[in-house]
C-alpha atoms as a PDB file:
ATOM      1  CA  MET A   1     -11.839 -46.817   2.914  1.00  0.00           C
ATOM      2  CA  GLU A   2     -15.461 -47.894   3.133  1.00  0.00           C
ATOM      3  CA  PHE A   3     -18.226 -45.282   3.163  1.00  0.00           C
ATOM      4  CA  GLU A   4     -19.101 -45.946   6.820  1.00  0.00           C
ATOM      5  CA  ASP A   5     -15.444 -45.623   7.880  1.00  0.00           C
ATOM      6  CA  ARG A   6     -15.162 -42.251   6.130  1.00  0.00           C
ATOM      7  CA  ARG A   7     -18.425 -41.088   7.621  1.00  0.00           C
ATOM      8  CA  ALA A   8     -17.387 -42.093  11.150  1.00  0.00           C
ATOM      9  CA  LEU A   9     -14.097 -40.207  10.816  1.00  0.00           C
ATOM     10  CA  LEU A  10     -15.812 -37.073   9.480  1.00  0.00           C
ATOM     11  CA  LYS A  11     -18.482 -37.230  12.189  1.00  0.00           C
ATOM     12  CA  ASN A  12     -15.829 -37.263  14.922  1.00  0.00           C
ATOM     13  CA  SER A  13     -13.738 -34.462  13.418  1.00  0.00           C
ATOM     14  CA  ILE A  14     -14.077 -30.668  13.370  1.00  0.00           C
ATOM     15  CA  LEU A  15     -16.645 -31.207  10.598  1.00  0.00           C
ATOM     16  CA  GLY A  16     -18.921 -33.207  12.897  1.00  0.00           C
ATOM     17  CA  ASP A  17     -21.394 -30.361  13.537  1.00  0.00           C
ATOM     18  CA  LEU A  18     -22.320 -30.105   9.859  1.00  0.00           C
ATOM     19  CA  PRO A  19     -25.769 -31.375   8.809  1.00  0.00           C
ATOM     20  CA  GLU A  20     -26.028 -35.134   8.266  1.00  0.00           C
ATOM     21  CA  GLU A  21     -26.520 -34.713   4.508  1.00  0.00           C
ATOM     22  CA  GLU A  22     -23.273 -32.732   4.256  1.00  0.00           C
ATOM     23  CA  ILE A  23     -21.388 -35.434   6.176  1.00  0.00           C
ATOM     24  CA  ASP A  24     -22.811 -38.084   3.849  1.00  0.00           C
ATOM     25  CA  GLU A  25     -21.854 -36.050   0.776  1.00  0.00           C
ATOM     26  CA  LEU A  26     -18.291 -35.594   2.044  1.00  0.00           C
ATOM     27  CA  ALA A  27     -18.023 -39.302   2.835  1.00  0.00           C
ATOM     28  CA  ARG A  28     -19.000 -40.099  -0.755  1.00  0.00           C
ATOM     29  CA  THR A  29     -16.966 -37.479  -2.604  1.00  0.00           C
ATOM     30  CA  ALA A  30     -13.867 -36.612  -0.521  1.00  0.00           C
ATOM     31  CA  ALA A  31     -10.577 -37.799  -1.994  1.00  0.00           C
ATOM     32  CA  ILE A  32      -8.578 -40.551  -0.275  1.00  0.00           C
ATOM     33  CA  LYS A  33      -4.814 -39.971  -0.343  1.00  0.00           C
ATOM     34  CA  LYS A  34      -2.193 -42.552   0.658  1.00  0.00           C
ATOM     35  CA  PHE A  35       1.391 -41.576   1.524  1.00  0.00           C
ATOM     36  CA  ARG A  36       4.503 -43.648   2.162  1.00  0.00           C
ATOM     37  CA  THR A  37       6.764 -43.208   5.176  1.00  0.00           C
ATOM     38  CA  GLY A  38       8.772 -39.998   4.754  1.00  0.00           C
ATOM     39  CA  GLU A  39       6.757 -38.773   1.775  1.00  0.00           C
ATOM     40  CA  VAL A  40       6.145 -35.006   1.630  1.00  0.00           C
ATOM     41  CA  ILE A  41       2.447 -34.115   1.411  1.00  0.00           C
ATOM     42  CA  PHE A  42       2.986 -30.423   0.661  1.00  0.00           C
ATOM     43  CA  GLU A  43       5.714 -27.804   1.066  1.00  0.00           C
ATOM     44  CA  ALA A  44       5.664 -24.235   2.347  1.00  0.00           C
ATOM     45  CA  GLY A  45       4.778 -21.996  -0.600  1.00  0.00           C
ATOM     46  CA  ASP A  46       2.445 -24.505  -2.238  1.00  0.00           C
ATOM     47  CA  PRO A  47      -1.106 -23.313  -3.011  1.00  0.00           C
ATOM     48  CA  PRO A  48      -3.731 -24.570  -0.510  1.00  0.00           C
ATOM     49  CA  ASP A  49      -5.445 -27.569  -2.118  1.00  0.00           C
ATOM     50  CA  GLY A  50      -7.739 -28.380   0.813  1.00  0.00           C
ATOM     51  CA  LEU A  51      -8.155 -29.562   4.397  1.00  0.00           C
ATOM     52  CA  TYR A  52      -6.559 -32.892   5.356  1.00  0.00           C
ATOM     53  CA  LEU A  53      -7.956 -35.330   7.949  1.00  0.00           C
ATOM     54  CA  VAL A  54      -5.819 -38.233   9.160  1.00  0.00           C
ATOM     55  CA  SER A  55      -7.555 -41.603   8.863  1.00  0.00           C
ATOM     56  CA  SER A  56      -4.517 -43.717   9.746  1.00  0.00           C
ATOM     57  CA  GLY A  57      -0.807 -43.157  10.303  1.00  0.00           C
ATOM     58  CA  ARG A  58       0.967 -40.022  11.525  1.00  0.00           C
ATOM     59  CA  VAL A  59       1.842 -36.722   9.855  1.00  0.00           C
ATOM     60  CA  ARG A  60       4.109 -33.937  11.041  1.00  0.00           C
ATOM     61  CA  THR A  61       3.907 -30.264  10.079  1.00  0.00           C
ATOM     62  CA  PHE A  62       7.111 -28.223  10.025  1.00  0.00           C
ATOM     63  CA  VAL A  63       8.869 -25.075   8.845  1.00  0.00           C
ATOM     64  CA  ARG A  64      12.343 -24.908   7.332  1.00  0.00           C
ATOM     65  CA  LEU A  65      14.694 -22.353   8.823  1.00  0.00           C
ATOM     66  CA  GLU A  66      17.355 -20.377   7.001  1.00  0.00           C
ATOM     67  CA  ASN A  67      20.118 -22.646   8.368  1.00  0.00           C
ATOM     68  CA  HIS A  68      18.441 -25.587   6.539  1.00  0.00           C
ATOM     69  CA  GLN A  69      17.237 -27.067   9.794  1.00  0.00           C
ATOM     70  CA  GLU A  70      13.559 -27.756  10.480  1.00  0.00           C
ATOM     71  CA  ARG A  71      11.217 -26.713  13.279  1.00  0.00           C
ATOM     72  CA  GLU A  72       8.446 -29.225  13.958  1.00  0.00           C
ATOM     73  CA  LEU A  73       5.091 -27.560  14.657  1.00  0.00           C
ATOM     74  CA  SER A  74       2.819 -30.532  15.301  1.00  0.00           C
ATOM     75  CA  VAL A  75       2.342 -34.293  14.913  1.00  0.00           C
ATOM     76  CA  CYS A  76      -1.139 -35.365  13.754  1.00  0.00           C
ATOM     77  CA  GLY A  77      -2.657 -38.806  14.289  1.00  0.00           C
ATOM     78  CA  PRO A  78      -5.983 -40.451  13.415  1.00  0.00           C
ATOM     79  CA  GLY A  79      -8.864 -37.969  13.784  1.00  0.00           C
ATOM     80  CA  ASP A  80      -6.605 -34.890  13.621  1.00  0.00           C
ATOM     81  CA  TYR A  81      -6.598 -32.375  10.762  1.00  0.00           C
ATOM     82  CA  PHE A  82      -4.030 -30.028   9.229  1.00  0.00           C
ATOM     83  CA  GLY A  83      -3.636 -27.517   6.399  1.00  0.00           C
ATOM     84  CA  GLU A  84      -6.312 -25.177   7.753  1.00  0.00           C
ATOM     85  CA  VAL A  85      -4.352 -21.918   8.128  1.00  0.00           C
ATOM     86  CA  ALA A  86      -3.709 -21.385   4.415  1.00  0.00           C
ATOM     87  CA  LEU A  87      -7.351 -22.195   3.664  1.00  0.00           C
ATOM     88  CA  MET A  88      -8.571 -19.548   6.099  1.00  0.00           C
ATOM     89  CA  GLY A  89      -6.365 -16.803   4.670  1.00  0.00           C
ATOM     90  CA  GLY A  90      -6.450 -17.930   1.033  1.00  0.00           C
ATOM     91  CA  THR A  91      -2.638 -17.700   0.980  1.00  0.00           C
ATOM     92  CA  ALA A  92       0.162 -20.101   0.082  1.00  0.00           C
ATOM     93  CA  ARG A  93       1.111 -22.797   2.580  1.00  0.00           C
ATOM     94  CA  THR A  94       3.247 -21.362   5.382  1.00  0.00           C
ATOM     95  CA  ALA A  95       4.475 -24.773   6.574  1.00  0.00           C
ATOM     96  CA  GLY A  96       5.191 -28.196   5.105  1.00  0.00           C
ATOM     97  CA  ALA A  97       3.678 -31.590   5.949  1.00  0.00           C
ATOM     98  CA  GLN A  98       5.316 -35.012   5.818  1.00  0.00           C
ATOM     99  CA  SER A  99       4.080 -38.530   6.535  1.00  0.00           C
ATOM    100  CA  LEU A 100       5.955 -40.149   9.439  1.00  0.00           C
ATOM    101  CA  GLU A 101       4.636 -43.603   8.521  1.00  0.00           C
ATOM    102  CA  GLN A 102       2.310 -45.115   5.949  1.00  0.00           C
ATOM    103  CA  SER A 103      -0.717 -42.832   6.207  1.00  0.00           C
ATOM    104  CA  THR A 104      -4.195 -42.594   4.741  1.00  0.00           C
ATOM    105  CA  LEU A 105      -5.709 -39.107   4.566  1.00  0.00           C
ATOM    106  CA  ILE A 106      -9.075 -37.653   3.605  1.00  0.00           C
ATOM    107  CA  LEU A 107      -8.786 -34.475   1.508  1.00  0.00           C
ATOM    108  CA  ILE A 108     -11.647 -31.952   1.531  1.00  0.00           C
ATOM    109  CA  ASP A 109     -10.785 -29.858  -1.532  1.00  0.00           C
ATOM    110  CA  LYS A 110     -10.634 -26.070  -1.274  1.00  0.00           C
ATOM    111  CA  GLU A 111     -13.730 -25.441  -3.408  1.00  0.00           C
ATOM    112  CA  HIS A 112     -15.871 -27.739  -1.255  1.00  0.00           C
ATOM    113  CA  PHE A 113     -14.413 -26.294   1.953  1.00  0.00           C
ATOM    114  CA  ASP A 114     -15.188 -22.722   0.831  1.00  0.00           C
ATOM    115  CA  SER A 115     -18.744 -23.809   0.063  1.00  0.00           C
ATOM    116  CA  LEU A 116     -19.119 -25.278   3.561  1.00  0.00           C
ATOM    117  CA  THR A 117     -17.926 -22.076   5.264  1.00  0.00           C
ATOM    118  CA  ASN A 118     -20.232 -19.951   3.118  1.00  0.00           C
ATOM    119  CA  ASP A 119     -23.315 -22.124   3.652  1.00  0.00           C
ATOM    120  CA  HIS A 120     -22.878 -22.870   7.368  1.00  0.00           C
ATOM    121  CA  PRO A 121     -21.996 -19.784   9.495  1.00  0.00           C
ATOM    122  CA  ASP A 122     -21.956 -21.788  12.748  1.00  0.00           C
ATOM    123  CA  PHE A 123     -19.321 -24.106  11.306  1.00  0.00           C
ATOM    124  CA  SER A 124     -17.322 -21.095  10.080  1.00  0.00           C
ATOM    125  CA  ARG A 125     -17.281 -19.534  13.557  1.00  0.00           C
ATOM    126  CA  ARG A 126     -16.255 -22.801  15.211  1.00  0.00           C
ATOM    127  CA  PHE A 127     -13.519 -23.333  12.646  1.00  0.00           C
ATOM    128  CA  VAL A 128     -12.169 -19.804  13.199  1.00  0.00           C
ATOM    129  CA  ARG A 129     -12.060 -20.388  16.966  1.00  0.00           C
ATOM    130  CA  GLU A 130     -10.104 -23.619  16.455  1.00  0.00           C
ATOM    131  CA  VAL A 131      -7.617 -21.952  14.123  1.00  0.00           C
ATOM    132  CA  LEU A 132      -7.085 -19.032  16.506  1.00  0.00           C
ATOM    133  CA  LYS A 133      -6.447 -21.540  19.314  1.00  0.00           C
ATOM    134  CA  LEU A 134      -3.846 -23.278  17.144  1.00  0.00           C
ATOM    135  CA  LEU A 135      -2.146 -19.988  16.316  1.00  0.00           C
ATOM    136  CA  ALA A 136      -2.039 -19.109  20.020  1.00  0.00           C
ATOM    137  CA  GLU A 137      -0.187 -22.363  20.635  1.00  0.00           C
ATOM    138  CA  GLU A 138       2.275 -21.452  17.889  1.00  0.00           C
ATOM    139  CA  ARG A 139       2.729 -18.062  19.582  1.00  0.00           C
ATOM    140  CA  GLY A 140       3.685 -19.988  22.742  1.00  0.00           C
ATOM    141  CA  MET A 141       6.317 -21.919  20.787  1.00  0.00           C
ATOM    142  CA  ILE A 142       7.766 -18.664  19.536  1.00  0.00           C
ATOM    143  CA  LYS A 143       7.955 -17.294  23.083  1.00  0.00           C
ATOM    144  CA  GLN A 144       9.723 -20.448  24.292  1.00  0.00           C
ATOM    145  CA  ASP A 145      12.313 -20.070  21.536  1.00  0.00           C
ATOM    146  CA  ALA A 146      12.870 -16.431  22.480  1.00  0.00           C
ATOM    147  CA  ASP A 147      13.154 -17.235  26.209  1.00  0.00           C
ATOM    148  CA  ALA A 148      15.645 -19.991  25.490  1.00  0.00           C
ATOM    149  CA  ALA A 149      17.765 -17.588  23.464  1.00  0.00           C
ATOM    150  CA  ILE A 150      17.791 -14.989  26.229  1.00  0.00           C
ATOM    151  CA  SER A 151      18.562 -17.444  29.046  1.00  0.00           C
ATOM    152  CA  TYR A 152      21.472 -19.042  27.200  1.00  0.00           C
ATOM    153  CA  SER A 153      23.914 -16.503  28.589  1.00  0.00           C
ATOM    154  CA  ASN A 154      27.062 -18.647  28.217  1.00  0.00           C
ATOM    155  CA  ALA A 155      26.661 -19.157  24.483  1.00  0.00           C
ATOM    156  CA  ARG A 156      29.187 -17.647  22.117  1.00  0.00           C
ATOM    157  CA  TRP A 157      28.012 -14.465  20.459  1.00  0.00           C
ATOM    158  CA  PHE A 158      27.283 -16.038  17.062  1.00  0.00           C
ATOM    159  CA  ASP A 159      25.325 -18.847  18.774  1.00  0.00           C
ATOM    160  CA  PHE A 160      23.150 -16.207  20.424  1.00  0.00           C
ATOM    161  CA  VAL A 161      22.608 -14.467  17.071  1.00  0.00           C
ATOM    162  CA  LEU A 162      21.579 -17.804  15.561  1.00  0.00           C
ATOM    163  CA  LEU A 163      19.029 -18.479  18.306  1.00  0.00           C
ATOM    164  CA  PHE A 164      17.630 -14.978  18.028  1.00  0.00           C
ATOM    165  CA  GLY A 165      17.334 -15.379  14.269  1.00  0.00           C
ATOM    166  CA  ILE A 166      15.327 -18.580  14.718  1.00  0.00           C
ATOM    167  CA  SER A 167      12.918 -16.718  17.001  1.00  0.00           C
ATOM    168  CA  ILE A 168      12.456 -13.972  14.421  1.00  0.00           C
ATOM    169  CA  ILE A 169      11.869 -16.509  11.640  1.00  0.00           C
ATOM    170  CA  MET A 170       9.232 -18.231  13.758  1.00  0.00           C
ATOM    171  CA  ALA A 171       7.574 -14.883  14.484  1.00  0.00           C
ATOM    172  CA  VAL A 172       7.473 -14.072  10.753  1.00  0.00           C
ATOM    173  CA  THR A 173       6.036 -17.538  10.038  1.00  0.00           C
ATOM    174  CA  PHE A 174       3.327 -16.950  12.640  1.00  0.00           C
ATOM    175  CA  ASN A 175       2.459 -13.545  11.187  1.00  0.00           C
ATOM    176  CA  LEU A 176       2.149 -15.004   7.690  1.00  0.00           C
ATOM    177  CA  SER A 177      -0.363 -17.562   8.979  1.00  0.00           C
ATOM    178  CA  ASN A 178      -2.310 -15.145  11.187  1.00  0.00           C
ATOM    179  CA  PRO A 179      -3.590 -11.812   9.839  1.00  0.00           C
ATOM    180  CA  ASN A 180      -3.578 -10.423  13.390  1.00  0.00           C
ATOM    181  CA  GLY A 181      -0.083 -11.631  14.240  1.00  0.00           C
ATOM    182  CA  ILE A 182       2.659 -10.168  16.427  1.00  0.00           C
ATOM    183  CA  PRO A 183       3.396  -6.552  15.458  1.00  0.00           C
ATOM    184  CA  PHE A 184       7.133  -5.812  15.227  1.00  0.00           C
ATOM    185  CA  PHE A 185       6.626  -2.044  15.215  1.00  0.00           C
ATOM    186  CA  PRO A 186       3.652  -0.147  16.593  1.00  0.00           C
ATOM    187  CA  SER A 187       1.518   1.502  13.956  1.00  0.00           C
ATOM    188  CA  ARG A 188      -1.157   4.163  14.082  1.00  0.00           C
ATOM    189  CA  PRO A 189      -4.103   4.034  11.708  1.00  0.00           C
ATOM    190  CA  ASP A 190      -4.481   6.750   9.108  1.00  0.00           C
ATOM    191  CA  PRO A 191      -7.279   9.307   9.574  1.00  0.00           C
ATOM    192  CA  VAL A 192     -10.675   8.081   8.371  1.00  0.00           C
ATOM    193  CA  ALA A 193     -13.696  10.258   7.587  1.00  0.00           C
ATOM    194  CA  LEU A 194     -16.402  10.355  10.277  1.00  0.00           C
ATOM    195  CA  VAL A 195     -20.148  10.218   9.751  1.00  0.00           C
ATOM    196  CA  GLY A 196     -22.881  11.139  12.244  1.00  0.00           C
ATOM    197  CA  ALA A 197     -25.559   8.735  13.405  1.00  0.00           C
ATOM    198  CA  ALA A 198     -28.361  10.618  11.633  1.00  0.00           C
ATOM    199  CA  ALA A 199     -26.582  10.687   8.274  1.00  0.00           C
ATOM    200  CA  ALA A 200     -25.678   7.002   8.549  1.00  0.00           C
ATOM    201  CA  ARG A 201     -29.268   6.157   9.494  1.00  0.00           C
ATOM    202  CA  ASN A 202     -30.634   7.988   6.436  1.00  0.00           C
ATOM    203  CA  GLU A 203     -28.208   6.215   4.115  1.00  0.00           C
ATOM    204  CA  LEU A 204     -29.026   2.855   5.709  1.00  0.00           C
ATOM    205  CA  ALA A 205     -32.748   3.486   5.219  1.00  0.00           C
ATOM    206  CA  GLY A 206     -32.058   4.028   1.531  1.00  0.00           C
ATOM    207  CA  GLY A 207     -30.684   0.498   1.308  1.00  0.00           C
ATOM    208  CA  HIS A 208     -27.246   1.517   0.081  1.00  0.00           C
ATOM    209  CA  LEU A 209     -25.125   1.322   3.233  1.00  0.00           C
ATOM    210  CA  LEU A 210     -23.127  -1.627   4.589  1.00  0.00           C
ATOM    211  CA  LEU A 211     -22.686  -1.469   8.383  1.00  0.00           C
ATOM    212  CA  ILE A 212     -19.700  -3.268   9.924  1.00  0.00           C
ATOM    213  CA  ASP A 213     -19.357  -3.878  13.672  1.00  0.00           C
ATOM    214  CA  ALA A 214     -15.663  -4.073  14.622  1.00  0.00           C
ATOM    215  CA  MET A 215     -16.245  -5.132  18.232  1.00  0.00           C
ATOM    216  CA  PRO A 216     -15.263  -8.593  19.573  1.00  0.00           C
ATOM    217  CA  SER A 217     -17.909 -11.235  18.897  1.00  0.00           C
ATOM    218  CA  ASN A 218     -19.080 -11.531  22.507  1.00  0.00           C
ATOM    219  CA  PHE A 219     -19.855  -7.789  22.640  1.00  0.00           C
ATOM    220  CA  PHE A 220     -21.522  -7.942  19.227  1.00  0.00           C
ATOM    221  CA  GLU A 221     -23.805 -10.751  20.374  1.00  0.00           C
ATOM    222  CA  GLN A 222     -24.858  -8.719  23.422  1.00  0.00           C
ATOM    223  CA  LYS A 223     -25.884  -5.687  21.370  1.00  0.00           C
ATOM    224  CA  HIS A 224     -25.281  -4.285  17.889  1.00  0.00           C
ATOM    225  CA  ILE A 225     -26.857  -2.039  15.273  1.00  0.00           C
ATOM    226  CA  GLN A 226     -29.688  -3.778  13.467  1.00  0.00           C
ATOM    227  CA  GLY A 227     -28.452  -5.318  10.228  1.00  0.00           C
ATOM    228  CA  ALA A 228     -24.734  -4.903  11.003  1.00  0.00           C
ATOM    229  CA  VAL A 229     -22.160  -7.587  10.144  1.00  0.00           C
ATOM    230  CA  ASN A 230     -19.594  -8.522  12.775  1.00  0.00           C
ATOM    231  CA  MET A 231     -16.005  -8.134  11.522  1.00  0.00           C
ATOM    232  CA  PRO A 232     -13.550  -8.154  14.483  1.00  0.00           C
ATOM    233  CA  LEU A 233      -9.977  -7.198  13.675  1.00  0.00           C
ATOM    234  CA  ALA A 234      -8.690 -10.616  14.837  1.00  0.00           C
ATOM    235  CA  ILE A 235     -10.513 -12.454  12.022  1.00  0.00           C
ATOM    236  CA  PHE A 236     -10.720  -9.617   9.477  1.00  0.00           C
ATOM    237  CA  ASP A 237      -9.173 -11.568   6.600  1.00  0.00           C
ATOM    238  CA  PHE A 238     -11.406 -14.586   7.116  1.00  0.00           C
ATOM    239  CA  VAL A 239     -14.653 -12.566   7.280  1.00  0.00           C
ATOM    240  CA  TYR A 240     -13.499 -10.437   4.348  1.00  0.00           C
ATOM    241  CA  LEU A 241     -12.819 -13.529   2.257  1.00  0.00           C
ATOM    242  CA  MET A 242     -16.162 -15.119   3.127  1.00  0.00           C
ATOM    243  CA  ARG A 243     -18.462 -12.078   2.981  1.00  0.00           C
ATOM    244  CA  PHE A 244     -16.926  -9.045   1.258  1.00  0.00           C
ATOM    245  CA  ALA A 245     -14.309 -10.007  -1.321  1.00  0.00           C
ATOM    246  CA  ASN A 246     -16.771  -9.577  -4.210  1.00  0.00           C
ATOM    247  CA  LYS A 247     -18.457  -6.386  -3.007  1.00  0.00           C
ATOM    248  CA  PRO A 248     -18.076  -3.429  -5.423  1.00  0.00           C
ATOM    249  CA  LYS A 249     -15.220  -1.166  -4.355  1.00  0.00           C
ATOM    250  CA  ASN A 250     -17.508   1.890  -4.297  1.00  0.00           C
ATOM    251  CA  THR A 251     -19.901   0.290  -1.770  1.00  0.00           C
ATOM    252  CA  PRO A 252     -20.709   2.820   1.005  1.00  0.00           C
ATOM    253  CA  ILE A 253     -19.401   1.313   4.255  1.00  0.00           C
ATOM    254  CA  VAL A 254     -19.674   2.594   7.829  1.00  0.00           C
ATOM    255  CA  VAL A 255     -17.574   0.885  10.516  1.00  0.00           C
ATOM    256  CA  TYR A 256     -18.294   1.342  14.197  1.00  0.00           C
ATOM    257  CA  GLY A 257     -17.126   0.257  17.628  1.00  0.00           C
ATOM    258  CA  ASP A 258     -17.798   1.844  20.988  1.00  0.00           C
ATOM    259  CA  THR A 259     -15.820   3.923  23.475  1.00  0.00           C
ATOM    260  CA  ILE A 260     -13.203   1.260  24.232  1.00  0.00           C
ATOM    261  CA  SER A 261     -13.240  -0.481  20.853  1.00  0.00           C
ATOM    262  CA  ARG A 262     -13.057   2.676  18.697  1.00  0.00           C
ATOM    263  CA  PRO A 263      -9.387   1.971  17.726  1.00  0.00           C
ATOM    264  CA  TYR A 264     -10.534  -1.380  16.314  1.00  0.00           C
ATOM    265  CA  ALA A 265     -13.091   0.398  14.150  1.00  0.00           C
ATOM    266  CA  LEU A 266     -10.393   2.706  12.799  1.00  0.00           C
ATOM    267  CA  GLN A 267      -8.091  -0.214  11.990  1.00  0.00           C
ATOM    268  CA  VAL A 268     -10.845  -2.223  10.301  1.00  0.00           C
ATOM    269  CA  ALA A 269     -11.774   0.852   8.249  1.00  0.00           C
ATOM    270  CA  ASN A 270      -8.158   1.327   7.201  1.00  0.00           C
ATOM    271  CA  ARG A 271      -7.874  -2.316   6.186  1.00  0.00           C
ATOM    272  CA  LEU A 272     -10.925  -1.949   3.963  1.00  0.00           C
ATOM    273  CA  ILE A 273      -9.439   1.187   2.435  1.00  0.00           C
ATOM    274  CA  SER A 274      -6.169  -0.690   1.803  1.00  0.00           C
ATOM    275  CA  ARG A 275      -8.215  -3.328  -0.061  1.00  0.00           C
ATOM    276  CA  GLY A 276      -9.394  -0.642  -2.476  1.00  0.00           C
ATOM    277  CA  TYR A 277     -12.740   0.463  -0.981  1.00  0.00           C
ATOM    278  CA  THR A 278     -13.274   4.141  -1.720  1.00  0.00           C
ATOM    279  CA  ASN A 279     -16.258   5.084   0.454  1.00  0.00           C
ATOM    280  CA  VAL A 280     -15.401   3.948   3.997  1.00  0.00           C
ATOM    281  CA  LYS A 281     -16.283   6.010   7.090  1.00  0.00           C
ATOM    282  CA  VAL A 282     -16.329   5.535  10.859  1.00  0.00           C
ATOM    283  CA  LEU A 283     -19.489   6.184  12.866  1.00  0.00           C
ATOM    284  CA  HIS A 284     -18.903   9.222  15.081  1.00  0.00           C
ATOM    285  CA  GLY A 285     -19.622   8.272  18.699  1.00  0.00           C
ATOM    286  CA  GLY A 286     -19.998   4.582  17.788  1.00  0.00           C
ATOM    287  CA  LEU A 287     -22.750   2.353  19.099  1.00  0.00           C
ATOM    288  CA  SER A 288     -23.444   4.660  22.046  1.00  0.00           C
ATOM    289  CA  ALA A 289     -24.268   7.617  19.778  1.00  0.00           C
ATOM    290  CA  TRP A 290     -26.473   5.440  17.584  1.00  0.00           C
ATOM    291  CA  GLU A 291     -28.420   4.115  20.579  1.00  0.00           C
ATOM    292  CA  ALA A 292     -28.685   7.556  22.171  1.00  0.00           C
ATOM    293  CA  ALA A 293     -30.366   8.794  18.998  1.00  0.00           C
ATOM    294  CA  GLY A 294     -33.058   6.139  19.451  1.00  0.00           C
ATOM    295  CA  TYR A 295     -32.077   4.092  16.405  1.00  0.00           C
ATOM    296  CA  PRO A 296     -32.695   0.300  16.446  1.00  0.00           C
ATOM    297  CA  VAL A 297     -30.260  -2.189  17.975  1.00  0.00           C
ATOM    298  CA  GLU A 298     -30.541  -5.957  18.383  1.00  0.00           C
ATOM    299  CA  SER A 299     -28.766  -8.901  20.040  1.00  0.00           C
ATOM    300  CA  GLY A 300     -27.597 -12.321  18.866  1.00  0.00           C
ATOM    301  CA  ALA A 301     -25.046 -13.670  16.418  1.00  0.00           C
ATOM    302  CA  SER A 302     -24.646 -12.321  12.888  1.00  0.00           C
ATOM    303  CA  GLN A 303     -26.445 -14.052  10.043  1.00  0.00           C
END
């Protein structure tokens, strides 16, 4: 592929909002991969090597079920991309990919992709929204499988069990690719220590405290505690990977929500504790208590 062809493809992809110099750099350095018809690009369980963009040809993504059959998830053509879920979570591939015809792909390697998400927060947020949209579509597929199993009332009993098993496998596959997947059993968060607004304010003034806002992004952008980082439960793993994975485990952390979103704050706090953080608390009274005390708040997206 010529430089201008690569650049045009990148400019019209999900990467198109990156600065021009980044697009040019990717066009010069990204790997070009060619695959024959029927050739497997990667399998479920493989480590994530990067983000793939289709330049020409067609690629399907799929999962293999326990009965050795396959469930097709998507078919990607020129301009489409795939392989993003494992990159976001830093986990092994949860699906396979195979070329349906002779295909030419652009590979943005994992190291370069991680650098892009770290250096360009706007791109990171857009990418997360796209991935969540994709996972919602997969959730719809799972529901269709379940509905088909239930409505097939004339099937023999072992046929029904087979269909139900497929639905469960798809649900597990979805949960592996989405940190906020479908819960099979309801769970209640463990108790977390509370801290008052005044004590949290004093610790913040000392420069030692990390404030985490667990509210959905649209609420965070309307109003949040000055200096807080937005970490909604739905994208916890992605934000954690990008912003907090290297923080010392004894870092003082206060998580907050508000009246309605307080359960989210508790769950985010518990997730941090499960990752080994030893000094995590929840702000008593949340944002309302902080504001009522006259402490500073601000609006806008996180930096």
